[in-house]
Amino acid sequence: MNKTKVTVEFSVFGDNFNPDTVTTRLKIHPDEQHYKRDMIPNRNNLYYKETAWCITTGCQESADVNIQLKSMVERLRICKNELIQILGEYHLECSFSIVVEIENHEIPALYLTSLEIAFANDIGAEFDFDYYIYS
């Protein structure tokens, strides 16, 4: 039987920067990176509109979205000041994307604690939520 899954992705994106610089300065290897105008894999003649550097929790069975979000924030907290510098230096934006794949009507707990909200505020991140209901 399939279980509900959650993925949290953190992305840094903008028009003109080298994602390898983010990797070097944050000392975190991305799960994905691409450049503006790179072709999107498996999408006929579609191209990325901006350059991006992304890390993810991967898709995990979960009954509580905050487990994955907290894990991501803790991973980034140690390099928060450097991240803020990079965002300012290269005029970049960042976001947390939370993807919930609902199976068997198992809707996970969805809440943001003051710690995650404060961290996102400190770095100027937005939150994006996507739900996919399968059964």
N, C-alpha and C. Protein backbone atom coordinates (compact mmCIF):
# COMPACT_ATOMS: atom_id res chain seq x y z
N MET A 1 0.84 -1.18 0.00
CA MET A 1 0.00 0.00 0.00
C MET A 1 0.89 1.25 0.00
N ASN A 2 0.58 2.20 -0.86
CA ASN A 2 1.37 3.42 -0.96
C ASN A 2 1.09 4.34 0.22
N LYS A 3 2.13 5.05 0.65
CA LYS A 3 2.03 6.00 1.77
C LYS A 3 2.21 7.42 1.26
N THR A 4 1.68 8.37 2.01
CA THR A 4 1.86 9.78 1.69
C THR A 4 3.34 10.14 1.80
N LYS A 5 3.80 10.96 0.85
CA LYS A 5 5.22 11.34 0.81
C LYS A 5 5.35 12.86 0.76
N VAL A 6 6.49 13.32 1.28
CA VAL A 6 6.79 14.76 1.32
C VAL A 6 8.20 14.98 0.79
N THR A 7 8.35 16.02 -0.01
CA THR A 7 9.67 16.47 -0.48
C THR A 7 9.78 17.95 -0.16
N VAL A 8 10.93 18.35 0.39
CA VAL A 8 11.22 19.77 0.58
C VAL A 8 12.47 20.09 -0.24
N GLU A 9 12.35 21.11 -1.07
CA GLU A 9 13.47 21.56 -1.89
C GLU A 9 13.77 23.01 -1.54
N PHE A 10 15.05 23.32 -1.42
CA PHE A 10 15.48 24.71 -1.24
C PHE A 10 16.21 25.11 -2.50
N SER A 11 15.81 26.24 -3.08
CA SER A 11 16.40 26.71 -4.34
C SER A 11 16.91 28.13 -4.21
N VAL A 12 18.05 28.36 -4.82
CA VAL A 12 18.60 29.69 -5.01
C VAL A 12 18.55 29.92 -6.51
N PHE A 13 18.00 31.06 -6.94
CA PHE A 13 17.84 31.25 -8.37
C PHE A 13 17.96 32.73 -8.75
N GLY A 14 18.32 32.93 -10.02
CA GLY A 14 18.47 34.28 -10.54
C GLY A 14 18.92 34.23 -11.98
N ASP A 15 19.16 35.41 -12.55
CA ASP A 15 19.50 35.50 -13.96
C ASP A 15 20.94 35.11 -14.28
N ASN A 16 21.88 35.62 -13.50
CA ASN A 16 23.26 35.50 -13.92
C ASN A 16 24.19 35.22 -12.74
N PHE A 17 24.43 33.94 -12.48
CA PHE A 17 25.41 33.55 -11.46
C PHE A 17 25.89 32.15 -11.78
N ASN A 18 27.00 31.78 -11.18
CA ASN A 18 27.55 30.44 -11.38
C ASN A 18 27.15 29.58 -10.18
N PRO A 19 26.33 28.54 -10.38
CA PRO A 19 25.92 27.69 -9.26
C PRO A 19 27.09 27.05 -8.51
N ASP A 20 28.21 26.85 -9.21
CA ASP A 20 29.38 26.27 -8.54
C ASP A 20 29.91 27.19 -7.44
N THR A 21 29.70 28.49 -7.59
CA THR A 21 30.10 29.44 -6.55
C THR A 21 29.30 29.20 -5.28
N VAL A 22 28.02 28.93 -5.42
CA VAL A 22 27.17 28.64 -4.26
C VAL A 22 27.66 27.36 -3.59
N THR A 23 27.94 26.34 -4.37
CA THR A 23 28.44 25.07 -3.84
C THR A 23 29.72 25.28 -3.05
N THR A 24 30.65 26.00 -3.62
CA THR A 24 31.95 26.24 -2.98
C THR A 24 31.79 27.03 -1.68
N ARG A 25 31.02 28.06 -1.73
CA ARG A 25 30.91 28.94 -0.56
C ARG A 25 30.06 28.35 0.56
N LEU A 26 29.01 27.61 0.21
CA LEU A 26 28.18 27.01 1.26
C LEU A 26 28.70 25.64 1.71
N LYS A 27 29.60 25.06 0.91
CA LYS A 27 30.13 23.73 1.19
C LYS A 27 29.01 22.69 1.26
N ILE A 28 28.03 22.86 0.37
CA ILE A 28 26.91 21.92 0.22
C ILE A 28 26.80 21.61 -1.27
N HIS A 29 26.81 20.32 -1.60
CA HIS A 29 26.67 19.93 -3.00
C HIS A 29 25.19 19.89 -3.38
N PRO A 30 24.84 20.51 -4.50
CA PRO A 30 23.43 20.55 -4.89
C PRO A 30 22.95 19.20 -5.41
N ASP A 31 21.66 18.99 -5.29
CA ASP A 31 21.03 17.82 -5.90
C ASP A 31 20.70 18.12 -7.36
N GLU A 32 20.60 19.41 -7.68
CA GLU A 32 20.34 19.83 -9.05
C GLU A 32 20.87 21.25 -9.22
N GLN A 33 21.35 21.53 -10.41
CA GLN A 33 21.68 22.90 -10.80
C GLN A 33 21.55 22.99 -12.30
N HIS A 34 21.20 24.17 -12.76
CA HIS A 34 21.11 24.39 -14.20
C HIS A 34 21.29 25.88 -14.47
N TYR A 35 21.56 26.16 -15.74
CA TYR A 35 21.78 27.53 -16.18
C TYR A 35 20.59 28.03 -16.99
N LYS A 36 20.39 29.33 -16.93
CA LYS A 36 19.38 29.97 -17.77
C LYS A 36 19.66 29.60 -19.22
N ARG A 37 18.61 29.25 -19.92
CA ARG A 37 18.65 28.85 -21.33
C ARG A 37 19.11 27.42 -21.56
N ASP A 38 19.43 26.64 -20.50
CA ASP A 38 19.66 25.21 -20.68
C ASP A 38 18.33 24.57 -21.07
N MET A 39 18.40 23.53 -21.88
CA MET A 39 17.18 22.82 -22.26
C MET A 39 16.71 21.98 -21.07
N ILE A 40 15.40 22.00 -20.82
CA ILE A 40 14.82 21.19 -19.75
C ILE A 40 14.73 19.75 -20.25
N PRO A 41 15.31 18.79 -19.50
CA PRO A 41 15.29 17.39 -19.96
C PRO A 41 13.86 16.87 -20.13
N ASN A 42 13.67 16.10 -21.18
CA ASN A 42 12.39 15.44 -21.47
C ASN A 42 11.24 16.40 -21.72
N ARG A 43 11.54 17.62 -22.09
CA ARG A 43 10.50 18.61 -22.40
C ARG A 43 10.87 19.22 -23.75
N ASN A 44 10.11 18.93 -24.75
CA ASN A 44 10.43 19.38 -26.12
C ASN A 44 10.62 20.88 -26.21
N ASN A 45 11.83 21.26 -26.54
CA ASN A 45 12.16 22.65 -26.82
C ASN A 45 11.78 23.63 -25.73
N LEU A 46 11.80 23.22 -24.48
CA LEU A 46 11.59 24.13 -23.37
C LEU A 46 12.92 24.39 -22.68
N TYR A 47 13.12 25.63 -22.26
CA TYR A 47 14.38 26.03 -21.66
C TYR A 47 14.14 26.67 -20.30
N TYR A 48 15.12 26.51 -19.41
CA TYR A 48 15.03 27.15 -18.09
C TYR A 48 15.06 28.67 -18.26
N LYS A 49 14.25 29.35 -17.48
CA LYS A 49 14.16 30.81 -17.57
C LYS A 49 15.14 31.51 -16.65
N GLU A 50 15.76 30.75 -15.74
CA GLU A 50 16.75 31.33 -14.83
C GLU A 50 17.74 30.25 -14.39
N THR A 51 18.84 30.69 -13.85
CA THR A 51 19.85 29.79 -13.31
C THR A 51 19.43 29.40 -11.90
N ALA A 52 19.69 28.13 -11.53
CA ALA A 52 19.26 27.68 -10.20
C ALA A 52 20.24 26.68 -9.60
N TRP A 53 20.29 26.70 -8.28
CA TRP A 53 21.06 25.77 -7.45
C TRP A 53 20.06 25.23 -6.43
N CYS A 54 19.92 23.89 -6.32
CA CYS A 54 18.86 23.31 -5.48
C CYS A 54 19.36 22.13 -4.65
N ILE A 55 18.85 22.06 -3.43
CA ILE A 55 19.05 20.87 -2.59
C ILE A 55 17.68 20.37 -2.16
N THR A 56 17.58 19.08 -1.90
CA THR A 56 16.29 18.48 -1.59
C THR A 56 16.43 17.41 -0.51
N THR A 57 15.33 17.19 0.18
CA THR A 57 15.29 16.09 1.15
C THR A 57 15.06 14.76 0.44
N GLY A 58 14.65 14.84 -0.81
CA GLY A 58 14.20 13.64 -1.50
C GLY A 58 12.78 13.34 -1.05
N CYS A 59 12.14 12.46 -1.76
CA CYS A 59 10.76 12.09 -1.48
C CYS A 59 10.74 11.07 -0.34
N GLN A 60 10.11 11.44 0.78
CA GLN A 60 10.11 10.59 1.99
C GLN A 60 8.69 10.36 2.48
N GLU A 61 8.42 9.14 2.93
CA GLU A 61 7.14 8.89 3.59
C GLU A 61 7.08 9.77 4.83
N SER A 62 5.93 10.45 5.01
CA SER A 62 5.84 11.37 6.14
C SER A 62 4.39 11.67 6.49
N ALA A 63 4.13 11.81 7.77
CA ALA A 63 2.82 12.24 8.25
C ALA A 63 2.88 13.66 8.80
N ASP A 64 4.05 14.32 8.61
CA ASP A 64 4.26 15.65 9.17
C ASP A 64 5.26 16.41 8.29
N VAL A 65 4.80 17.38 7.53
CA VAL A 65 5.64 18.16 6.62
C VAL A 65 6.80 18.82 7.35
N ASN A 66 6.58 19.20 8.60
CA ASN A 66 7.61 19.93 9.33
C ASN A 66 8.85 19.09 9.60
N ILE A 67 8.75 17.78 9.57
CA ILE A 67 9.94 16.94 9.75
C ILE A 67 10.94 17.21 8.64
N GLN A 68 10.48 17.22 7.40
CA GLN A 68 11.38 17.47 6.28
C GLN A 68 11.82 18.94 6.23
N LEU A 69 10.91 19.86 6.53
CA LEU A 69 11.25 21.29 6.52
C LEU A 69 12.29 21.59 7.58
N LYS A 70 12.10 21.07 8.77
CA LYS A 70 13.07 21.30 9.86
C LYS A 70 14.44 20.74 9.48
N SER A 71 14.46 19.57 8.87
CA SER A 71 15.72 18.97 8.44
C SER A 71 16.45 19.88 7.44
N MET A 72 15.70 20.45 6.50
CA MET A 72 16.30 21.34 5.50
C MET A 72 16.83 22.62 6.15
N VAL A 73 16.05 23.22 7.04
CA VAL A 73 16.49 24.45 7.71
C VAL A 73 17.73 24.19 8.55
N GLU A 74 17.78 23.07 9.24
CA GLU A 74 18.98 22.76 10.04
C GLU A 74 20.21 22.60 9.16
N ARG A 75 20.03 22.04 8.00
CA ARG A 75 21.14 21.87 7.05
C ARG A 75 21.68 23.23 6.60
N LEU A 76 20.79 24.20 6.45
CA LEU A 76 21.18 25.53 5.96
C LEU A 76 21.59 26.49 7.06
N ARG A 77 21.14 26.25 8.27
CA ARG A 77 21.39 27.18 9.38
C ARG A 77 22.88 27.42 9.61
N ILE A 78 23.70 26.40 9.43
CA ILE A 78 25.14 26.54 9.70
C ILE A 78 25.84 27.48 8.72
N CYS A 79 25.22 27.71 7.57
CA CYS A 79 25.84 28.59 6.57
C CYS A 79 24.94 29.79 6.26
N LYS A 80 24.07 30.15 7.20
CA LYS A 80 23.09 31.22 6.97
C LYS A 80 23.75 32.54 6.57
N ASN A 81 24.78 32.96 7.28
CA ASN A 81 25.41 34.26 6.98
C ASN A 81 26.03 34.27 5.59
N GLU A 82 26.68 33.18 5.22
CA GLU A 82 27.28 33.09 3.88
C GLU A 82 26.19 33.08 2.81
N LEU A 83 25.09 32.39 3.08
CA LEU A 83 23.96 32.35 2.15
C LEU A 83 23.40 33.75 1.94
N ILE A 84 23.22 34.50 3.01
CA ILE A 84 22.71 35.87 2.90
C ILE A 84 23.66 36.73 2.06
N GLN A 85 24.97 36.55 2.26
CA GLN A 85 25.94 37.31 1.46
C GLN A 85 25.84 36.97 -0.02
N ILE A 86 25.73 35.68 -0.34
CA ILE A 86 25.62 35.25 -1.74
C ILE A 86 24.37 35.83 -2.38
N LEU A 87 23.25 35.74 -1.67
CA LEU A 87 21.99 36.25 -2.20
C LEU A 87 22.08 37.74 -2.52
N GLY A 88 22.72 38.49 -1.64
CA GLY A 88 22.88 39.93 -1.86
C GLY A 88 23.87 40.26 -2.95
N GLU A 89 25.01 39.56 -2.94
CA GLU A 89 26.08 39.82 -3.91
C GLU A 89 25.62 39.64 -5.35
N TYR A 90 24.86 38.57 -5.59
CA TYR A 90 24.46 38.23 -6.95
C TYR A 90 23.00 38.58 -7.25
N HIS A 91 22.34 39.27 -6.33
CA HIS A 91 20.93 39.68 -6.50
C HIS A 91 20.05 38.47 -6.80
N LEU A 92 20.13 37.47 -5.92
CA LEU A 92 19.41 36.22 -6.10
C LEU A 92 18.20 36.13 -5.19
N GLU A 93 17.32 35.22 -5.51
CA GLU A 93 16.16 34.91 -4.69
C GLU A 93 16.28 33.47 -4.21
N CYS A 94 15.45 33.12 -3.22
CA CYS A 94 15.45 31.74 -2.74
C CYS A 94 14.06 31.35 -2.27
N SER A 95 13.83 30.04 -2.27
CA SER A 95 12.51 29.56 -1.83
C SER A 95 12.59 28.14 -1.31
N PHE A 96 11.62 27.82 -0.48
CA PHE A 96 11.39 26.45 -0.01
C PHE A 96 10.16 25.94 -0.75
N SER A 97 10.31 24.87 -1.50
CA SER A 97 9.18 24.24 -2.18
C SER A 97 8.84 22.96 -1.43
N ILE A 98 7.59 22.87 -1.02
CA ILE A 98 7.12 21.72 -0.25
C ILE A 98 6.10 20.98 -1.12
N VAL A 99 6.43 19.74 -1.46
CA VAL A 99 5.58 18.94 -2.32
C VAL A 99 5.02 17.79 -1.49
N VAL A 100 3.70 17.67 -1.48
CA VAL A 100 3.02 16.62 -0.72
C VAL A 100 2.29 15.72 -1.72
N GLU A 101 2.61 14.43 -1.71
CA GLU A 101 1.94 13.44 -2.55
C GLU A 101 1.04 12.61 -1.64
N ILE A 102 -0.26 12.87 -1.71
CA ILE A 102 -1.21 12.24 -0.79
C ILE A 102 -1.69 10.90 -1.35
N GLU A 103 -1.55 9.89 -0.53
CA GLU A 103 -2.02 8.53 -0.85
C GLU A 103 -2.99 8.09 0.23
N ASN A 104 -4.01 7.33 -0.14
CA ASN A 104 -4.95 6.72 0.80
C ASN A 104 -5.59 7.75 1.74
N HIS A 105 -5.80 8.95 1.26
CA HIS A 105 -6.43 10.02 2.06
C HIS A 105 -5.64 10.34 3.33
N GLU A 106 -4.35 10.04 3.36
CA GLU A 106 -3.49 10.33 4.51
C GLU A 106 -2.89 11.73 4.34
N ILE A 107 -3.58 12.71 4.89
CA ILE A 107 -3.12 14.09 4.77
C ILE A 107 -2.15 14.38 5.91
N PRO A 108 -0.91 14.78 5.60
CA PRO A 108 0.06 15.03 6.66
C PRO A 108 -0.21 16.34 7.40
N ALA A 109 0.32 16.44 8.60
CA ALA A 109 0.25 17.69 9.34
C ALA A 109 1.03 18.75 8.55
N LEU A 110 0.46 19.92 8.47
CA LEU A 110 1.11 21.00 7.74
C LEU A 110 1.09 22.25 8.61
N TYR A 111 2.27 22.63 9.08
CA TYR A 111 2.41 23.83 9.90
C TYR A 111 3.84 24.32 9.78
N LEU A 112 4.04 25.59 10.06
CA LEU A 112 5.37 26.19 10.07
C LEU A 112 5.62 26.70 11.48
N THR A 113 6.73 26.32 12.06
CA THR A 113 7.04 26.82 13.40
C THR A 113 7.69 28.20 13.30
N SER A 114 7.73 28.88 14.41
CA SER A 114 8.34 30.21 14.41
C SER A 114 9.82 30.15 14.02
N LEU A 115 10.50 29.04 14.31
CA LEU A 115 11.92 28.91 13.94
C LEU A 115 12.09 28.86 12.42
N GLU A 116 11.25 28.07 11.73
CA GLU A 116 11.34 27.99 10.28
C GLU A 116 10.91 29.31 9.63
N ILE A 117 9.88 29.94 10.18
CA ILE A 117 9.43 31.23 9.66
C ILE A 117 10.52 32.29 9.84
N ALA A 118 11.14 32.33 11.02
CA ALA A 118 12.21 33.31 11.28
C ALA A 118 13.40 33.10 10.35
N PHE A 119 13.78 31.83 10.16
CA PHE A 119 14.91 31.54 9.27
C PHE A 119 14.60 32.00 7.85
N ALA A 120 13.41 31.65 7.36
CA ALA A 120 13.01 32.06 6.01
C ALA A 120 13.00 33.58 5.89
N ASN A 121 12.51 34.25 6.90
CA ASN A 121 12.49 35.71 6.90
C ASN A 121 13.92 36.28 6.86
N ASP A 122 14.81 35.71 7.64
CA ASP A 122 16.20 36.18 7.70
C ASP A 122 16.88 36.12 6.34
N ILE A 123 16.59 35.06 5.56
CA ILE A 123 17.26 34.92 4.27
C ILE A 123 16.39 35.43 3.11
N GLY A 124 15.17 35.86 3.42
CA GLY A 124 14.27 36.39 2.39
C GLY A 124 13.65 35.32 1.52
N ALA A 125 13.44 34.13 2.08
CA ALA A 125 12.88 33.01 1.31
C ALA A 125 11.36 33.04 1.31
N GLU A 126 10.80 32.52 0.24
CA GLU A 126 9.36 32.33 0.12
C GLU A 126 9.07 30.84 0.29
N PHE A 127 7.79 30.51 0.52
CA PHE A 127 7.34 29.13 0.60
C PHE A 127 6.39 28.86 -0.56
N ASP A 128 6.53 27.70 -1.15
CA ASP A 128 5.66 27.26 -2.23
C ASP A 128 5.17 25.86 -1.87
N PHE A 129 3.85 25.65 -1.89
CA PHE A 129 3.25 24.37 -1.53
C PHE A 129 2.55 23.77 -2.74
N ASP A 130 2.84 22.51 -3.02
CA ASP A 130 2.16 21.77 -4.08
C ASP A 130 1.61 20.48 -3.50
N TYR A 131 0.35 20.19 -3.83
CA TYR A 131 -0.30 18.96 -3.40
C TYR A 131 -0.66 18.13 -4.63
N TYR A 132 -0.39 16.83 -4.53
CA TYR A 132 -0.83 15.89 -5.55
C TYR A 132 -1.62 14.81 -4.84
N ILE A 133 -2.87 14.68 -5.18
CA ILE A 133 -3.74 13.70 -4.53
C ILE A 133 -3.92 12.51 -5.47
N TYR A 134 -3.43 11.36 -5.04
CA TYR A 134 -3.48 10.16 -5.88
C TYR A 134 -4.61 9.23 -5.47
N SER A 135 -4.86 9.10 -4.17
CA SER A 135 -5.95 8.21 -3.74
C SER A 135 -6.35 8.54 -2.32
